[in-house]
Amino acid sequence: MAIIVNLDVMMAKRKMSLNELSGKVDISLANLSILKNNKCRAVRFSTLNALCKALDCQPADLLEYAPDPPGMEEDTK
């Protein structure tokens, strides 16, 4: 996957647990876990906004672009 979610990194930097973050952003633990483990396929801007506000960070602190190795491109259909 070309986009990597660094939610776990920012949570560690802010010394914030998944439970605490869930309470601050009003997102279920299950959905935060999907984000944290890079299993999500999309993120709403409202969710990104809430995460940035709660973690006092920029979107670029949470999202990173890393190209797939040649021949390993993901099917986007």
PDB file of N, CA and C in Angstrom:
ATOM      1  N   MET A   1       0.844  -1.180   0.000  1.00  0.00           N
ATOM      2  CA  MET A   1       0.000   0.000   0.000  1.00  0.00           C
ATOM      3  C   MET A   1       0.884   1.238   0.000  1.00  0.00           C
ATOM      4  N   ALA A   2       0.562   2.207  -0.796  1.00  0.00           N
ATOM      5  CA  ALA A   2       1.397   3.388  -0.962  1.00  0.00           C
ATOM      6  C   ALA A   2       1.215   4.419   0.148  1.00  0.00           C
ATOM      7  N   ILE A   3       0.054   4.447   0.802  1.00  0.00           N
ATOM      8  CA  ILE A   3      -0.176   5.395   1.884  1.00  0.00           C
ATOM      9  C   ILE A   3      -0.083   4.653   3.205  1.00  0.00           C
ATOM     10  N   ILE A   4       0.764   5.148   4.078  1.00  0.00           N
ATOM     11  CA  ILE A   4       0.965   4.542   5.392  1.00  0.00           C
ATOM     12  C   ILE A   4       0.386   5.475   6.444  1.00  0.00           C
ATOM     13  N   VAL A   5      -0.403   4.924   7.356  1.00  0.00           N
ATOM     14  CA  VAL A   5      -0.985   5.696   8.453  1.00  0.00           C
ATOM     15  C   VAL A   5      -0.081   5.531   9.673  1.00  0.00           C
ATOM     16  N   ASN A   6       0.456   6.642  10.160  1.00  0.00           N
ATOM     17  CA  ASN A   6       1.365   6.634  11.309  1.00  0.00           C
ATOM     18  C   ASN A   6       0.656   7.031  12.598  1.00  0.00           C
ATOM     19  N   LEU A   7      -0.580   6.585  12.758  1.00  0.00           N
ATOM     20  CA  LEU A   7      -1.345   6.923  13.951  1.00  0.00           C
ATOM     21  C   LEU A   7      -0.671   6.395  15.208  1.00  0.00           C
ATOM     22  N   ASP A   8      -0.151   5.184  15.148  1.00  0.00           N
ATOM     23  CA  ASP A   8       0.517   4.609  16.320  1.00  0.00           C
ATOM     24  C   ASP A   8       1.727   5.421  16.742  1.00  0.00           C
ATOM     25  N   VAL A   9       2.456   5.973  15.778  1.00  0.00           N
ATOM     26  CA  VAL A   9       3.635   6.798  16.074  1.00  0.00           C
ATOM     27  C   VAL A   9       3.220   8.070  16.809  1.00  0.00           C
ATOM     28  N   MET A  10       2.178   8.756  16.290  1.00  0.00           N
ATOM     29  CA  MET A  10       1.727   9.998  16.916  1.00  0.00           C
ATOM     30  C   MET A  10       1.127   9.729  18.295  1.00  0.00           C
ATOM     31  N   MET A  11       0.423   8.620  18.437  1.00  0.00           N
ATOM     32  CA  MET A  11      -0.130   8.279  19.748  1.00  0.00           C
ATOM     33  C   MET A  11       0.994   8.045  20.755  1.00  0.00           C
ATOM     34  N   ALA A  12       2.051   7.390  20.340  1.00  0.00           N
ATOM     35  CA  ALA A  12       3.193   7.148  21.221  1.00  0.00           C
ATOM     36  C   ALA A  12       3.883   8.461  21.589  1.00  0.00           C
ATOM     37  N   LYS A  13       4.051   9.347  20.610  1.00  0.00           N
ATOM     38  CA  LYS A  13       4.683  10.650  20.880  1.00  0.00           C
ATOM     39  C   LYS A  13       3.868  11.464  21.877  1.00  0.00           C
ATOM     40  N   ARG A  14       2.538  11.334  21.810  1.00  0.00           N
ATOM     41  CA  ARG A  14       1.647  12.090  22.707  1.00  0.00           C
ATOM     42  C   ARG A  14       1.297  11.308  23.965  1.00  0.00           C
ATOM     43  N   LYS A  15       1.856  10.089  24.074  1.00  0.00           N
ATOM     44  CA  LYS A  15       1.589   9.204  25.214  1.00  0.00           C
ATOM     45  C   LYS A  15       0.085   9.047  25.441  1.00  0.00           C
ATOM     46  N   MET A  16      -0.615   8.735  24.345  1.00  0.00           N
ATOM     47  CA  MET A  16      -2.057   8.611  24.378  1.00  0.00           C
ATOM     48  C   MET A  16      -2.453   7.189  23.996  1.00  0.00           C
ATOM     49  N   SER A  17      -3.370   6.629  24.756  1.00  0.00           N
ATOM     50  CA  SER A  17      -3.847   5.279  24.471  1.00  0.00           C
ATOM     51  C   SER A  17      -4.961   5.321  23.437  1.00  0.00           C
ATOM     52  N   LEU A  18      -5.260   4.166  22.872  1.00  0.00           N
ATOM     53  CA  LEU A  18      -6.343   4.053  21.909  1.00  0.00           C
ATOM     54  C   LEU A  18      -7.678   4.410  22.567  1.00  0.00           C
ATOM     55  N   ASN A  19      -7.861   3.986  23.814  1.00  0.00           N
ATOM     56  CA  ASN A  19      -9.092   4.308  24.547  1.00  0.00           C
ATOM     57  C   ASN A  19      -9.241   5.808  24.757  1.00  0.00           C
ATOM     58  N   GLU A  20      -8.164   6.460  25.144  1.00  0.00           N
ATOM     59  CA  GLU A  20      -8.199   7.905  25.370  1.00  0.00           C
ATOM     60  C   GLU A  20      -8.490   8.653  24.072  1.00  0.00           C
ATOM     61  N   LEU A  21      -7.823   8.257  22.991  1.00  0.00           N
ATOM     62  CA  LEU A  21      -8.036   8.904  21.705  1.00  0.00           C
ATOM     63  C   LEU A  21      -9.468   8.677  21.219  1.00  0.00           C
ATOM     64  N   SER A  22      -9.980   7.485  21.404  1.00  0.00           N
ATOM     65  CA  SER A  22     -11.346   7.177  21.005  1.00  0.00           C
ATOM     66  C   SER A  22     -12.337   8.111  21.694  1.00  0.00           C
ATOM     67  N   GLY A  23     -12.130   8.364  22.966  1.00  0.00           N
ATOM     68  CA  GLY A  23     -12.997   9.270  23.708  1.00  0.00           C
ATOM     69  C   GLY A  23     -12.908  10.707  23.220  1.00  0.00           C
ATOM     70  N   LYS A  24     -11.704  11.132  22.839  1.00  0.00           N
ATOM     71  CA  LYS A  24     -11.506  12.517  22.386  1.00  0.00           C
ATOM     72  C   LYS A  24     -12.078  12.769  20.998  1.00  0.00           C
ATOM     73  N   VAL A  25     -12.007  11.784  20.117  1.00  0.00           N
ATOM     74  CA  VAL A  25     -12.428  12.009  18.725  1.00  0.00           C
ATOM     75  C   VAL A  25     -13.790  11.385  18.416  1.00  0.00           C
ATOM     76  N   ASP A  26     -14.370  10.681  19.382  1.00  0.00           N
ATOM     77  CA  ASP A  26     -15.679  10.053  19.218  1.00  0.00           C
ATOM     78  C   ASP A  26     -15.706   9.104  18.013  1.00  0.00           C
ATOM     79  N   ILE A  27     -14.677   8.272  17.938  1.00  0.00           N
ATOM     80  CA  ILE A  27     -14.565   7.230  16.915  1.00  0.00           C
ATOM     81  C   ILE A  27     -14.403   5.905  17.657  1.00  0.00           C
ATOM     82  N   SER A  28     -15.065   4.888  17.184  1.00  0.00           N
ATOM     83  CA  SER A  28     -15.028   3.598  17.882  1.00  0.00           C
ATOM     84  C   SER A  28     -13.604   3.039  17.933  1.00  0.00           C
ATOM     85  N   LEU A  29     -13.374   2.226  18.954  1.00  0.00           N
ATOM     86  CA  LEU A  29     -12.074   1.554  19.092  1.00  0.00           C
ATOM     87  C   LEU A  29     -11.786   0.691  17.869  1.00  0.00           C
ATOM     88  N   ALA A  30     -12.824   0.038  17.350  1.00  0.00           N
ATOM     89  CA  ALA A  30     -12.636  -0.829  16.180  1.00  0.00           C
ATOM     90  C   ALA A  30     -12.153  -0.018  14.978  1.00  0.00           C
ATOM     91  N   ASN A  31     -12.776   1.126  14.720  1.00  0.00           N
ATOM     92  CA  ASN A  31     -12.375   1.934  13.574  1.00  0.00           C
ATOM     93  C   ASN A  31     -10.990   2.553  13.771  1.00  0.00           C
ATOM     94  N   LEU A  32     -10.673   2.971  14.985  1.00  0.00           N
ATOM     95  CA  LEU A  32      -9.332   3.495  15.250  1.00  0.00           C
ATOM     96  C   LEU A  32      -8.284   2.401  15.082  1.00  0.00           C
ATOM     97  N   SER A  33      -8.618   1.199  15.512  1.00  0.00           N
ATOM     98  CA  SER A  33      -7.699   0.077  15.365  1.00  0.00           C
ATOM     99  C   SER A  33      -7.428  -0.225  13.888  1.00  0.00           C
ATOM    100  N   ILE A  34      -8.467  -0.149  13.060  1.00  0.00           N
ATOM    101  CA  ILE A  34      -8.304  -0.356  11.620  1.00  0.00           C
ATOM    102  C   ILE A  34      -7.356   0.694  11.046  1.00  0.00           C
ATOM    103  N   LEU A  35      -7.525   1.940  11.463  1.00  0.00           N
ATOM    104  CA  LEU A  35      -6.625   3.010  11.009  1.00  0.00           C
ATOM    105  C   LEU A  35      -5.207   2.759  11.493  1.00  0.00           C
ATOM    106  N   LYS A  36      -5.074   2.475  12.777  1.00  0.00           N
ATOM    107  CA  LYS A  36      -3.765   2.297  13.402  1.00  0.00           C
ATOM    108  C   LYS A  36      -2.973   1.158  12.760  1.00  0.00           C
ATOM    109  N   ASN A  37      -3.691   0.117  12.338  1.00  0.00           N
ATOM    110  CA  ASN A  37      -3.027  -1.054  11.765  1.00  0.00           C
ATOM    111  C   ASN A  37      -2.939  -1.035  10.243  1.00  0.00           C
ATOM    112  N   ASN A  38      -3.180   0.143   9.655  1.00  0.00           N
ATOM    113  CA  ASN A  38      -3.053   0.321   8.204  1.00  0.00           C
ATOM    114  C   ASN A  38      -3.983  -0.582   7.406  1.00  0.00           C
ATOM    115  N   LYS A  39      -5.157  -0.861   7.919  1.00  0.00           N
ATOM    116  CA  LYS A  39      -6.117  -1.719   7.229  1.00  0.00           C
ATOM    117  C   LYS A  39      -7.229  -0.914   6.553  1.00  0.00           C
ATOM    118  N   CYS A  40      -7.221   0.403   6.723  1.00  0.00           N
ATOM    119  CA  CYS A  40      -8.291   1.225   6.151  1.00  0.00           C
ATOM    120  C   CYS A  40      -8.046   1.480   4.665  1.00  0.00           C
ATOM    121  N   ARG A  41      -9.138   1.720   3.946  1.00  0.00           N
ATOM    122  CA  ARG A  41      -9.043   2.013   2.519  1.00  0.00           C
ATOM    123  C   ARG A  41      -9.337   3.473   2.235  1.00  0.00           C
ATOM    124  N   ALA A  42      -9.903   4.187   3.212  1.00  0.00           N
ATOM    125  CA  ALA A  42     -10.231   5.601   3.047  1.00  0.00           C
ATOM    126  C   ALA A  42     -10.326   6.249   4.422  1.00  0.00           C
ATOM    127  N   VAL A  43     -10.113   7.567   4.455  1.00  0.00           N
ATOM    128  CA  VAL A  43     -10.252   8.341   5.684  1.00  0.00           C
ATOM    129  C   VAL A  43     -11.022   9.607   5.344  1.00  0.00           C
ATOM    130  N   ARG A  44     -12.077   9.862   6.072  1.00  0.00           N
ATOM    131  CA  ARG A  44     -12.833  11.091   5.860  1.00  0.00           C
ATOM    132  C   ARG A  44     -12.039  12.278   6.387  1.00  0.00           C
ATOM    133  N   PHE A  45     -12.220  13.425   5.744  1.00  0.00           N
ATOM    134  CA  PHE A  45     -11.549  14.634   6.211  1.00  0.00           C
ATOM    135  C   PHE A  45     -11.996  14.986   7.624  1.00  0.00           C
ATOM    136  N   SER A  46     -13.248  14.742   7.959  1.00  0.00           N
ATOM    137  CA  SER A  46     -13.728  15.040   9.308  1.00  0.00           C
ATOM    138  C   SER A  46     -13.000  14.176  10.344  1.00  0.00           C
ATOM    139  N   THR A  47     -12.709  12.932   9.985  1.00  0.00           N
ATOM    140  CA  THR A  47     -11.951  12.049  10.873  1.00  0.00           C
ATOM    141  C   THR A  47     -10.511  12.523  11.000  1.00  0.00           C
ATOM    142  N   LEU A  48      -9.911  12.869   9.880  1.00  0.00           N
ATOM    143  CA  LEU A  48      -8.537  13.378   9.884  1.00  0.00           C
ATOM    144  C   LEU A  48      -8.454  14.656  10.704  1.00  0.00           C
ATOM    145  N   ASN A  49      -9.436  15.527  10.556  1.00  0.00           N
ATOM    146  CA  ASN A  49      -9.482  16.778  11.314  1.00  0.00           C
ATOM    147  C   ASN A  49      -9.556  16.497  12.813  1.00  0.00           C
ATOM    148  N   ALA A  50     -10.431  15.573  13.210  1.00  0.00           N
ATOM    149  CA  ALA A  50     -10.581  15.237  14.628  1.00  0.00           C
ATOM    150  C   ALA A  50      -9.302  14.633  15.196  1.00  0.00           C
ATOM    151  N   LEU A  51      -8.641  13.769  14.432  1.00  0.00           N
ATOM    152  CA  LEU A  51      -7.392  13.158  14.893  1.00  0.00           C
ATOM    153  C   LEU A  51      -6.292  14.213  15.053  1.00  0.00           C
ATOM    154  N   CYS A  52      -6.185  15.107  14.074  1.00  0.00           N
ATOM    155  CA  CYS A  52      -5.162  16.159  14.148  1.00  0.00           C
ATOM    156  C   CYS A  52      -5.408  17.072  15.342  1.00  0.00           C
ATOM    157  N   LYS A  53      -6.669  17.392  15.605  1.00  0.00           N
ATOM    158  CA  LYS A  53      -7.011  18.251  16.740  1.00  0.00           C
ATOM    159  C   LYS A  53      -6.653  17.561  18.054  1.00  0.00           C
ATOM    160  N   ALA A  54      -7.044  16.296  18.195  1.00  0.00           N
ATOM    161  CA  ALA A  54      -6.802  15.558  19.435  1.00  0.00           C
ATOM    162  C   ALA A  54      -5.316  15.302  19.678  1.00  0.00           C
ATOM    163  N   LEU A  55      -4.565  15.075  18.602  1.00  0.00           N
ATOM    164  CA  LEU A  55      -3.142  14.759  18.732  1.00  0.00           C
ATOM    165  C   LEU A  55      -2.245  15.981  18.545  1.00  0.00           C
ATOM    166  N   ASP A  56      -2.859  17.144  18.284  1.00  0.00           N
ATOM    167  CA  ASP A  56      -2.119  18.390  18.065  1.00  0.00           C
ATOM    168  C   ASP A  56      -1.009  18.172  17.027  1.00  0.00           C
ATOM    169  N   CYS A  57      -1.446  17.765  15.823  1.00  0.00           N
ATOM    170  CA  CYS A  57      -0.488  17.484  14.760  1.00  0.00           C
ATOM    171  C   CYS A  57      -1.051  17.903  13.405  1.00  0.00           C
ATOM    172  N   GLN A  58      -0.279  17.732  12.377  1.00  0.00           N
ATOM    173  CA  GLN A  58      -0.668  18.025  11.008  1.00  0.00           C
ATOM    174  C   GLN A  58      -1.021  16.707  10.300  1.00  0.00           C
ATOM    175  N   PRO A  59      -1.840  16.777   9.225  1.00  0.00           N
ATOM    176  CA  PRO A  59      -2.163  15.555   8.482  1.00  0.00           C
ATOM    177  C   PRO A  59      -0.905  14.798   8.020  1.00  0.00           C
ATOM    178  N   ALA A  60       0.131  15.534   7.651  1.00  0.00           N
ATOM    179  CA  ALA A  60       1.369  14.886   7.194  1.00  0.00           C
ATOM    180  C   ALA A  60       2.059  14.103   8.308  1.00  0.00           C
ATOM    181  N   ASP A  61       1.743  14.412   9.560  1.00  0.00           N
ATOM    182  CA  ASP A  61       2.293  13.630  10.670  1.00  0.00           C
ATOM    183  C   ASP A  61       1.626  12.261  10.761  1.00  0.00           C
ATOM    184  N   LEU A  62       0.413  12.157  10.223  1.00  0.00           N
ATOM    185  CA  LEU A  62      -0.357  10.911  10.296  1.00  0.00           C
ATOM    186  C   LEU A  62      -0.280  10.082   9.021  1.00  0.00           C
ATOM    187  N   LEU A  63      -0.118  10.740   7.885  1.00  0.00           N
ATOM    188  CA  LEU A  63      -0.129  10.054   6.593  1.00  0.00           C
ATOM    189  C   LEU A  63       1.209  10.187   5.894  1.00  0.00           C
ATOM    190  N   GLU A  64       1.683   9.099   5.329  1.00  0.00           N
ATOM    191  CA  GLU A  64       2.978   9.075   4.634  1.00  0.00           C
ATOM    192  C   GLU A  64       2.820   8.338   3.315  1.00  0.00           C
ATOM    193  N   TYR A  65       3.452   8.854   2.280  1.00  0.00           N
ATOM    194  CA  TYR A  65       3.437   8.186   0.979  1.00  0.00           C
ATOM    195  C   TYR A  65       4.723   7.385   0.821  1.00  0.00           C
ATOM    196  N   ALA A  66       4.566   6.111   0.525  1.00  0.00           N
ATOM    197  CA  ALA A  66       5.705   5.231   0.270  1.00  0.00           C
ATOM    198  C   ALA A  66       5.355   4.393  -0.957  1.00  0.00           C
ATOM    199  N   PRO A  67       6.003   4.661  -2.088  1.00  0.00           N
ATOM    200  CA  PRO A  67       5.654   3.924  -3.311  1.00  0.00           C
ATOM    201  C   PRO A  67       5.839   2.413  -3.152  1.00  0.00           C
ATOM    202  N   ASP A  68       4.950   1.672  -3.832  1.00  0.00           N
ATOM    203  CA  ASP A  68       5.082   0.215  -3.851  1.00  0.00           C
ATOM    204  C   ASP A  68       6.308  -0.173  -4.654  1.00  0.00           C
ATOM    205  N   PRO A  69       6.982  -1.253  -4.270  1.00  0.00           N
ATOM    206  CA  PRO A  69       8.105  -1.727  -5.070  1.00  0.00           C
ATOM    207  C   PRO A  69       7.640  -2.101  -6.474  1.00  0.00           C
ATOM    208  N   PRO A  70       8.497  -1.994  -7.471  1.00  0.00           N
ATOM    209  CA  PRO A  70       8.112  -2.348  -8.834  1.00  0.00           C
ATOM    210  C   PRO A  70       7.540  -3.771  -8.891  1.00  0.00           C
ATOM    211  N   GLY A  71       6.438  -3.904  -9.630  1.00  0.00           N
ATOM    212  CA  GLY A  71       5.786  -5.198  -9.751  1.00  0.00           C
ATOM    213  C   GLY A  71       4.856  -5.546  -8.615  1.00  0.00           C
ATOM    214  N   MET A  72       4.769  -4.684  -7.612  1.00  0.00           N
ATOM    215  CA  MET A  72       3.933  -4.955  -6.442  1.00  0.00           C
ATOM    216  C   MET A  72       2.773  -3.965  -6.330  1.00  0.00           C
ATOM    217  N   GLU A  73       2.434  -3.291  -7.439  1.00  0.00           N
ATOM    218  CA  GLU A  73       1.376  -2.288  -7.397  1.00  0.00           C
ATOM    219  C   GLU A  73       0.066  -2.928  -6.982  1.00  0.00           C
ATOM    220  N   GLU A  74      -0.672  -2.218  -6.133  1.00  0.00           N
ATOM    221  CA  GLU A  74      -1.965  -2.703  -5.657  1.00  0.00           C
ATOM    222  C   GLU A  74      -3.034  -2.407  -6.691  1.00  0.00           C
ATOM    223  N   ASP A  75      -3.948  -3.324  -6.852  1.00  0.00           N
ATOM    224  CA  ASP A  75      -5.073  -3.137  -7.771  1.00  0.00           C
ATOM    225  C   ASP A  75      -6.013  -2.116  -7.150  1.00  0.00           C
ATOM    226  N   THR A  76      -6.273  -1.021  -7.854  1.00  0.00           N
ATOM    227  CA  THR A  76      -7.111   0.053  -7.317  1.00  0.00           C
ATOM    228  C   THR A  76      -8.554  -0.040  -7.790  1.00  0.00           C
ATOM    229  N   LYS A  77      -8.935  -1.131  -8.438  1.00  0.00           N
ATOM    230  CA  LYS A  77     -10.314  -1.288  -8.938  1.00  0.00           C
ATOM    231  C   LYS A  77     -11.245  -1.725  -7.845  1.00  0.00           C
TER     232      LYS A  77
END
